Amino acid sequence: MHVLITGSHVEKKATEKRAGDGTISTVHSKVTVFDFKIDLDLTSYISPYGTIKTLPDPKTSNKLSLREVIEQHVTEENPFKEMHMKKKVSWDYEDLTRAIVHAIRSVNYRYKIEISYPTSNNRVIVHSASPLAQFMRSTWTKAFCGISLVGVVLYPLREYYKIVKDKNIQSEFHMTISTADFMRNNYWKIVDQVQFKNE
């Protein structure tokens, strides 16, 4: 997980365009110019210990226990069954966002600030071990379906049937540092990278 901070402003740009009859006209447009991009890795602050819970069924809103979900998955005969576990990291993102914006504004940056928290590798998928599912996931099958018309029919059908049978589980982790401590440790790292053109 990262915190990605960008600052940008809009500049007016004028370009000359020549028409077919030789006349020249000026075309005005607006372009976004990025002043800075700050990328801070938050992975080391994520606790290695978390909790696992089930999510409500999107169709019925019923929420089963973890044991019930696993038992249903094991006994399910669908060869394309999958169990998904999404990783969620709990933190006071709103408080951190406000603190970062305040820090950047304190050095007189008055343009647009965007802050996001992109994640990667935040999903675990348990695939079916059935021979048919393994065959469909193989590289050779995907390559064959990609160069033939078989994939046009086969893969959409498989995806439709698979989605119906998905079971969703969520793991929740907490940060080992408060947003206030994070800002104290990284304040200068952030503001030192803020660059902009004075007007």
C-alpha atoms as a PDB file:
ATOM      1  CA  MET A   1       0.000   0.000   0.000  1.00  0.00           C
ATOM      2  CA  HIS A   2       1.187   3.494  -0.834  1.00  0.00           C
ATOM      3  CA  VAL A   3       0.126   7.075  -0.325  1.00  0.00           C
ATOM      4  CA  LEU A   4       0.334   8.866  -3.665  1.00  0.00           C
ATOM      5  CA  ILE A   5       0.324  12.664  -3.548  1.00  0.00           C
ATOM      6  CA  THR A   6       0.213  14.806  -6.682  1.00  0.00           C
ATOM      7  CA  GLY A   7       0.046  18.536  -7.200  1.00  0.00           C
ATOM      8  CA  SER A   8      -1.020  20.051 -10.490  1.00  0.00           C
ATOM      9  CA  HIS A   9      -2.188  23.232 -12.116  1.00  0.00           C
ATOM     10  CA  VAL A  10      -3.837  24.134 -15.403  1.00  0.00           C
ATOM     11  CA  GLU A  11      -2.088  26.248 -18.006  1.00  0.00           C
ATOM     12  CA  LYS A  12      -3.551  27.841 -21.093  1.00  0.00           C
ATOM     13  CA  LYS A  13      -1.914  26.853 -24.335  1.00  0.00           C
ATOM     14  CA  ALA A  14      -2.253  28.557 -27.705  1.00  0.00           C
ATOM     15  CA  THR A  15      -1.426  26.732 -30.932  1.00  0.00           C
ATOM     16  CA  GLU A  16      -1.701  27.879 -34.498  1.00  0.00           C
ATOM     17  CA  LYS A  17      -3.712  25.785 -36.929  1.00  0.00           C
ATOM     18  CA  ARG A  18      -3.530  26.195 -40.697  1.00  0.00           C
ATOM     19  CA  ALA A  19      -6.757  25.620 -42.610  1.00  0.00           C
ATOM     20  CA  GLY A  20      -7.008  24.146 -46.098  1.00  0.00           C
ATOM     21  CA  ASP A  21      -7.328  27.603 -47.668  1.00  0.00           C
ATOM     22  CA  GLY A  22      -4.069  28.730 -46.050  1.00  0.00           C
ATOM     23  CA  THR A  23      -5.576  30.862 -43.293  1.00  0.00           C
ATOM     24  CA  ILE A  24      -4.089  30.491 -39.843  1.00  0.00           C
ATOM     25  CA  SER A  25      -6.211  30.464 -36.703  1.00  0.00           C
ATOM     26  CA  THR A  26      -5.213  30.294 -33.072  1.00  0.00           C
ATOM     27  CA  VAL A  27      -6.644  27.444 -31.012  1.00  0.00           C
ATOM     28  CA  HIS A  28      -6.726  27.902 -27.248  1.00  0.00           C
ATOM     29  CA  SER A  29      -6.706  24.889 -24.943  1.00  0.00           C
ATOM     30  CA  LYS A  30      -6.021  24.028 -21.328  1.00  0.00           C
ATOM     31  CA  VAL A  31      -3.403  21.489 -20.261  1.00  0.00           C
ATOM     32  CA  THR A  32      -2.768  19.970 -16.852  1.00  0.00           C
ATOM     33  CA  VAL A  33       0.821  20.365 -15.651  1.00  0.00           C
ATOM     34  CA  PHE A  34       1.992  18.172 -12.765  1.00  0.00           C
ATOM     35  CA  ASP A  35       4.191  20.062 -10.319  1.00  0.00           C
ATOM     36  CA  PHE A  36       5.152  17.121  -8.137  1.00  0.00           C
ATOM     37  CA  LYS A  37       4.411  13.473  -7.461  1.00  0.00           C
ATOM     38  CA  ILE A  38       5.205  11.971  -4.058  1.00  0.00           C
ATOM     39  CA  ASP A  39       4.958   8.216  -3.508  1.00  0.00           C
ATOM     40  CA  LEU A  40       5.414   6.916   0.051  1.00  0.00           C
ATOM     41  CA  ASP A  41       5.396   3.180   0.768  1.00  0.00           C
ATOM     42  CA  LEU A  42       3.143   2.276   3.711  1.00  0.00           C
ATOM     43  CA  THR A  43       3.669  -1.494   3.594  1.00  0.00           C
ATOM     44  CA  SER A  44       6.063  -1.622   6.549  1.00  0.00           C
ATOM     45  CA  TYR A  45       3.420   0.009   8.766  1.00  0.00           C
ATOM     46  CA  ILE A  46       0.772  -2.678   8.156  1.00  0.00           C
ATOM     47  CA  SER A  47       0.378  -5.091  11.060  1.00  0.00           C
ATOM     48  CA  PRO A  48       1.167  -8.708  10.103  1.00  0.00           C
ATOM     49  CA  TYR A  49      -1.812  -9.855  12.179  1.00  0.00           C
ATOM     50  CA  GLY A  50      -5.387  -9.424  11.037  1.00  0.00           C
ATOM     51  CA  THR A  51      -8.887 -10.800  11.353  1.00  0.00           C
ATOM     52  CA  ILE A  52     -10.949 -12.674   8.780  1.00  0.00           C
ATOM     53  CA  LYS A  53     -14.663 -12.100   8.360  1.00  0.00           C
ATOM     54  CA  THR A  54     -17.332 -12.896   5.803  1.00  0.00           C
ATOM     55  CA  LEU A  55     -19.105 -10.332   3.649  1.00  0.00           C
ATOM     56  CA  PRO A  56     -22.882 -10.272   3.106  1.00  0.00           C
ATOM     57  CA  ASP A  57     -24.145 -12.055   0.010  1.00  0.00           C
ATOM     58  CA  PRO A  58     -24.623  -9.337  -2.657  1.00  0.00           C
ATOM     59  CA  LYS A  59     -27.935 -10.875  -3.761  1.00  0.00           C
ATOM     60  CA  THR A  60     -29.621 -11.856  -0.488  1.00  0.00           C
ATOM     61  CA  SER A  61     -27.690  -9.668   2.013  1.00  0.00           C
ATOM     62  CA  ASN A  62     -27.416 -12.746   4.255  1.00  0.00           C
ATOM     63  CA  LYS A  63     -24.175 -13.023   6.185  1.00  0.00           C
ATOM     64  CA  LEU A  64     -22.860 -16.493   6.962  1.00  0.00           C
ATOM     65  CA  SER A  65     -20.202 -17.456   9.463  1.00  0.00           C
ATOM     66  CA  LEU A  66     -16.692 -18.179   8.216  1.00  0.00           C
ATOM     67  CA  ARG A  67     -17.179 -21.884   8.909  1.00  0.00           C
ATOM     68  CA  GLU A  68     -20.453 -21.944   6.935  1.00  0.00           C
ATOM     69  CA  VAL A  69     -18.847 -20.215   3.944  1.00  0.00           C
ATOM     70  CA  ILE A  70     -15.922 -22.653   3.895  1.00  0.00           C
ATOM     71  CA  GLU A  71     -18.225 -25.673   4.266  1.00  0.00           C
ATOM     72  CA  GLN A  72     -20.415 -24.423   1.412  1.00  0.00           C
ATOM     73  CA  HIS A  73     -17.348 -23.911  -0.750  1.00  0.00           C
ATOM     74  CA  VAL A  74     -15.982 -27.389  -0.036  1.00  0.00           C
ATOM     75  CA  THR A  75     -19.305 -29.144  -0.707  1.00  0.00           C
ATOM     76  CA  GLU A  76     -20.143 -27.047  -3.794  1.00  0.00           C
ATOM     77  CA  GLU A  77     -19.994 -29.168  -6.950  1.00  0.00           C
ATOM     78  CA  ASN A  78     -19.467 -26.293  -9.366  1.00  0.00           C
ATOM     79  CA  PRO A  79     -16.141 -27.053 -11.126  1.00  0.00           C
ATOM     80  CA  PHE A  80     -15.412 -23.321 -11.507  1.00  0.00           C
ATOM     81  CA  LYS A  81     -16.029 -22.390  -7.876  1.00  0.00           C
ATOM     82  CA  GLU A  82     -13.765 -19.794  -6.323  1.00  0.00           C
ATOM     83  CA  MET A  83     -13.354 -18.271  -2.903  1.00  0.00           C
ATOM     84  CA  HIS A  84     -12.183 -14.655  -2.805  1.00  0.00           C
ATOM     85  CA  MET A  85     -10.563 -12.938   0.143  1.00  0.00           C
ATOM     86  CA  LYS A  86     -10.086  -9.174  -0.064  1.00  0.00           C
ATOM     87  CA  LYS A  87      -7.526  -7.472   2.147  1.00  0.00           C
ATOM     88  CA  LYS A  88      -8.657  -4.269   3.837  1.00  0.00           C
ATOM     89  CA  VAL A  89      -6.312  -2.019   5.785  1.00  0.00           C
ATOM     90  CA  SER A  90      -8.081   0.102   8.409  1.00  0.00           C
ATOM     91  CA  TRP A  91      -6.669   3.546   9.099  1.00  0.00           C
ATOM     92  CA  ASP A  92      -7.943   7.087   9.469  1.00  0.00           C
ATOM     93  CA  TYR A  93      -7.388   7.998   5.815  1.00  0.00           C
ATOM     94  CA  GLU A  94      -9.505  11.158   6.034  1.00  0.00           C
ATOM     95  CA  ASP A  95      -7.428  12.507   8.916  1.00  0.00           C
ATOM     96  CA  LEU A  96      -4.176  11.734   7.097  1.00  0.00           C
ATOM     97  CA  THR A  97      -5.458  13.334   3.894  1.00  0.00           C
ATOM     98  CA  ARG A  98      -6.348  16.530   5.770  1.00  0.00           C
ATOM     99  CA  ALA A  99      -2.922  16.575   7.466  1.00  0.00           C
ATOM    100  CA  ILE A 100      -1.081  16.126   4.156  1.00  0.00           C
ATOM    101  CA  VAL A 101      -3.100  18.876   2.471  1.00  0.00           C
ATOM    102  CA  HIS A 102      -2.444  21.186   5.437  1.00  0.00           C
ATOM    103  CA  ALA A 103       1.307  20.462   5.264  1.00  0.00           C
ATOM    104  CA  ILE A 104       1.458  21.217   1.537  1.00  0.00           C
ATOM    105  CA  ARG A 105      -0.628  24.383   1.895  1.00  0.00           C
ATOM    106  CA  SER A 106       1.737  25.535   4.666  1.00  0.00           C
ATOM    107  CA  VAL A 107       4.479  26.012   2.043  1.00  0.00           C
ATOM    108  CA  ASN A 108       2.132  28.208  -0.021  1.00  0.00           C
ATOM    109  CA  TYR A 109       1.172  25.649  -2.650  1.00  0.00           C
ATOM    110  CA  ARG A 110      -2.269  26.812  -3.793  1.00  0.00           C
ATOM    111  CA  TYR A 111      -2.993  24.556  -6.730  1.00  0.00           C
ATOM    112  CA  LYS A 112      -4.827  21.244  -6.982  1.00  0.00           C
ATOM    113  CA  ILE A 113      -3.762  18.456  -4.602  1.00  0.00           C
ATOM    114  CA  GLU A 114      -4.824  14.846  -5.114  1.00  0.00           C
ATOM    115  CA  ILE A 115      -4.157  12.090  -2.581  1.00  0.00           C
ATOM    116  CA  SER A 116      -4.869   8.398  -3.076  1.00  0.00           C
ATOM    117  CA  TYR A 117      -3.975   5.150  -1.348  1.00  0.00           C
ATOM    118  CA  PRO A 118      -3.356   2.550  -4.081  1.00  0.00           C
ATOM    119  CA  THR A 119      -2.962  -1.076  -3.066  1.00  0.00           C
ATOM    120  CA  SER A 120      -1.623  -4.173  -4.785  1.00  0.00           C
ATOM    121  CA  ASN A 121      -1.698  -7.880  -3.990  1.00  0.00           C
ATOM    122  CA  ASN A 122      -4.787  -7.262  -1.876  1.00  0.00           C
ATOM    123  CA  ARG A 123      -6.813 -10.248  -3.068  1.00  0.00           C
ATOM    124  CA  VAL A 124      -6.394 -13.964  -2.503  1.00  0.00           C
ATOM    125  CA  ILE A 125      -8.323 -16.316  -4.788  1.00  0.00           C
ATOM    126  CA  VAL A 126      -8.788 -19.993  -4.013  1.00  0.00           C
ATOM    127  CA  HIS A 127      -9.456 -21.806  -7.291  1.00  0.00           C
ATOM    128  CA  SER A 128     -11.186 -25.121  -7.728  1.00  0.00           C
ATOM    129  CA  ALA A 129      -8.860 -28.104  -8.110  1.00  0.00           C
ATOM    130  CA  SER A 130     -11.230 -29.849 -10.536  1.00  0.00           C
ATOM    131  CA  PRO A 131      -9.623 -31.098 -13.781  1.00  0.00           C
ATOM    132  CA  LEU A 132     -12.008 -28.950 -15.857  1.00  0.00           C
ATOM    133  CA  ALA A 133     -11.101 -25.779 -13.938  1.00  0.00           C
ATOM    134  CA  GLN A 134      -7.376 -26.534 -14.215  1.00  0.00           C
ATOM    135  CA  PHE A 135      -7.797 -27.146 -17.943  1.00  0.00           C
ATOM    136  CA  MET A 136      -9.582 -23.796 -18.390  1.00  0.00           C
ATOM    137  CA  ARG A 137      -6.869 -21.958 -16.440  1.00  0.00           C
ATOM    138  CA  SER A 138      -3.972 -23.483 -18.369  1.00  0.00           C
ATOM    139  CA  THR A 139      -1.893 -21.230 -20.611  1.00  0.00           C
ATOM    140  CA  TRP A 140      -2.379 -23.528 -23.608  1.00  0.00           C
ATOM    141  CA  THR A 141      -6.165 -23.424 -23.294  1.00  0.00           C
ATOM    142  CA  LYS A 142      -6.163 -19.632 -23.019  1.00  0.00           C
ATOM    143  CA  ALA A 143      -3.869 -19.352 -26.044  1.00  0.00           C
ATOM    144  CA  PHE A 144      -6.045 -21.709 -28.118  1.00  0.00           C
ATOM    145  CA  CYS A 145      -9.238 -19.884 -27.151  1.00  0.00           C
ATOM    146  CA  GLY A 146      -7.569 -16.567 -27.899  1.00  0.00           C
ATOM    147  CA  ILE A 147      -6.824 -17.494 -31.515  1.00  0.00           C
ATOM    148  CA  SER A 148     -10.070 -19.350 -32.173  1.00  0.00           C
ATOM    149  CA  LEU A 149     -13.783 -18.666 -31.892  1.00  0.00           C
ATOM    150  CA  VAL A 150     -14.135 -21.211 -29.082  1.00  0.00           C
ATOM    151  CA  GLY A 151     -13.079 -18.641 -26.485  1.00  0.00           C
ATOM    152  CA  VAL A 152     -15.779 -16.198 -27.611  1.00  0.00           C
ATOM    153  CA  VAL A 153     -18.428 -18.620 -26.338  1.00  0.00           C
ATOM    154  CA  LEU A 154     -16.601 -20.672 -23.712  1.00  0.00           C
ATOM    155  CA  TYR A 155     -15.009 -18.015 -21.509  1.00  0.00           C
ATOM    156  CA  PRO A 156     -18.066 -15.735 -21.113  1.00  0.00           C
ATOM    157  CA  LEU A 157     -20.134 -18.774 -20.091  1.00  0.00           C
ATOM    158  CA  ARG A 158     -17.494 -19.863 -17.603  1.00  0.00           C
ATOM    159  CA  GLU A 159     -17.203 -16.354 -16.154  1.00  0.00           C
ATOM    160  CA  TYR A 160     -20.974 -16.029 -15.775  1.00  0.00           C
ATOM    161  CA  TYR A 161     -21.305 -19.369 -14.017  1.00  0.00           C
ATOM    162  CA  LYS A 162     -18.246 -18.726 -11.852  1.00  0.00           C
ATOM    163  CA  ILE A 163     -19.432 -15.322 -10.586  1.00  0.00           C
ATOM    164  CA  VAL A 164     -22.725 -16.800  -9.417  1.00  0.00           C
ATOM    165  CA  LYS A 165     -20.831 -19.240  -7.212  1.00  0.00           C
ATOM    166  CA  ASP A 166     -18.255 -16.855  -5.734  1.00  0.00           C
ATOM    167  CA  LYS A 167     -17.850 -16.751  -1.963  1.00  0.00           C
ATOM    168  CA  ASN A 168     -16.394 -13.565  -0.535  1.00  0.00           C
ATOM    169  CA  ILE A 169     -14.255 -13.251   2.564  1.00  0.00           C
ATOM    170  CA  GLN A 170     -12.468 -10.181   3.848  1.00  0.00           C
ATOM    171  CA  SER A 171      -9.311  -9.931   5.922  1.00  0.00           C
ATOM    172  CA  GLU A 172      -8.857  -6.758   7.919  1.00  0.00           C
ATOM    173  CA  PHE A 173      -5.513  -5.394   9.070  1.00  0.00           C
ATOM    174  CA  HIS A 174      -4.600  -2.342  11.110  1.00  0.00           C
ATOM    175  CA  MET A 175      -1.709   0.076  10.864  1.00  0.00           C
ATOM    176  CA  THR A 176       1.002  -0.010  13.528  1.00  0.00           C
ATOM    177  CA  ILE A 177       1.368   3.781  13.476  1.00  0.00           C
ATOM    178  CA  SER A 178      -1.126   6.580  14.006  1.00  0.00           C
ATOM    179  CA  THR A 179      -1.700   9.154  11.293  1.00  0.00           C
ATOM    180  CA  ALA A 180      -0.285  11.844  13.603  1.00  0.00           C
ATOM    181  CA  ASP A 181       2.953   9.899  14.148  1.00  0.00           C
ATOM    182  CA  PHE A 182       3.199   9.155  10.432  1.00  0.00           C
ATOM    183  CA  MET A 183       2.962  12.867   9.641  1.00  0.00           C
ATOM    184  CA  ARG A 184       5.546  13.746  12.299  1.00  0.00           C
ATOM    185  CA  ASN A 185       7.950  11.225  10.749  1.00  0.00           C
ATOM    186  CA  ASN A 186       7.280  12.227   7.139  1.00  0.00           C
ATOM    187  CA  TYR A 187       6.392  15.937   7.244  1.00  0.00           C
ATOM    188  CA  TRP A 188       9.690  17.173   5.799  1.00  0.00           C
ATOM    189  CA  LYS A 189       9.891  14.307   3.338  1.00  0.00           C
ATOM    190  CA  ILE A 190       6.587  15.528   1.897  1.00  0.00           C
ATOM    191  CA  VAL A 191       7.045  19.303   1.930  1.00  0.00           C
ATOM    192  CA  ASP A 192      10.624  19.109   0.609  1.00  0.00           C
ATOM    193  CA  GLN A 193       9.287  17.499  -2.578  1.00  0.00           C
ATOM    194  CA  VAL A 194       6.611  20.117  -3.205  1.00  0.00           C
ATOM    195  CA  GLN A 195       7.645  22.096  -6.273  1.00  0.00           C
ATOM    196  CA  PHE A 196       5.675  24.777  -8.029  1.00  0.00           C
ATOM    197  CA  LYS A 197       6.043  27.874 -10.140  1.00  0.00           C
ATOM    198  CA  ASN A 198       5.226  31.172  -8.495  1.00  0.00           C
ATOM    199  CA  GLU A 199       3.053  33.508 -10.519  1.00  0.00           C
END
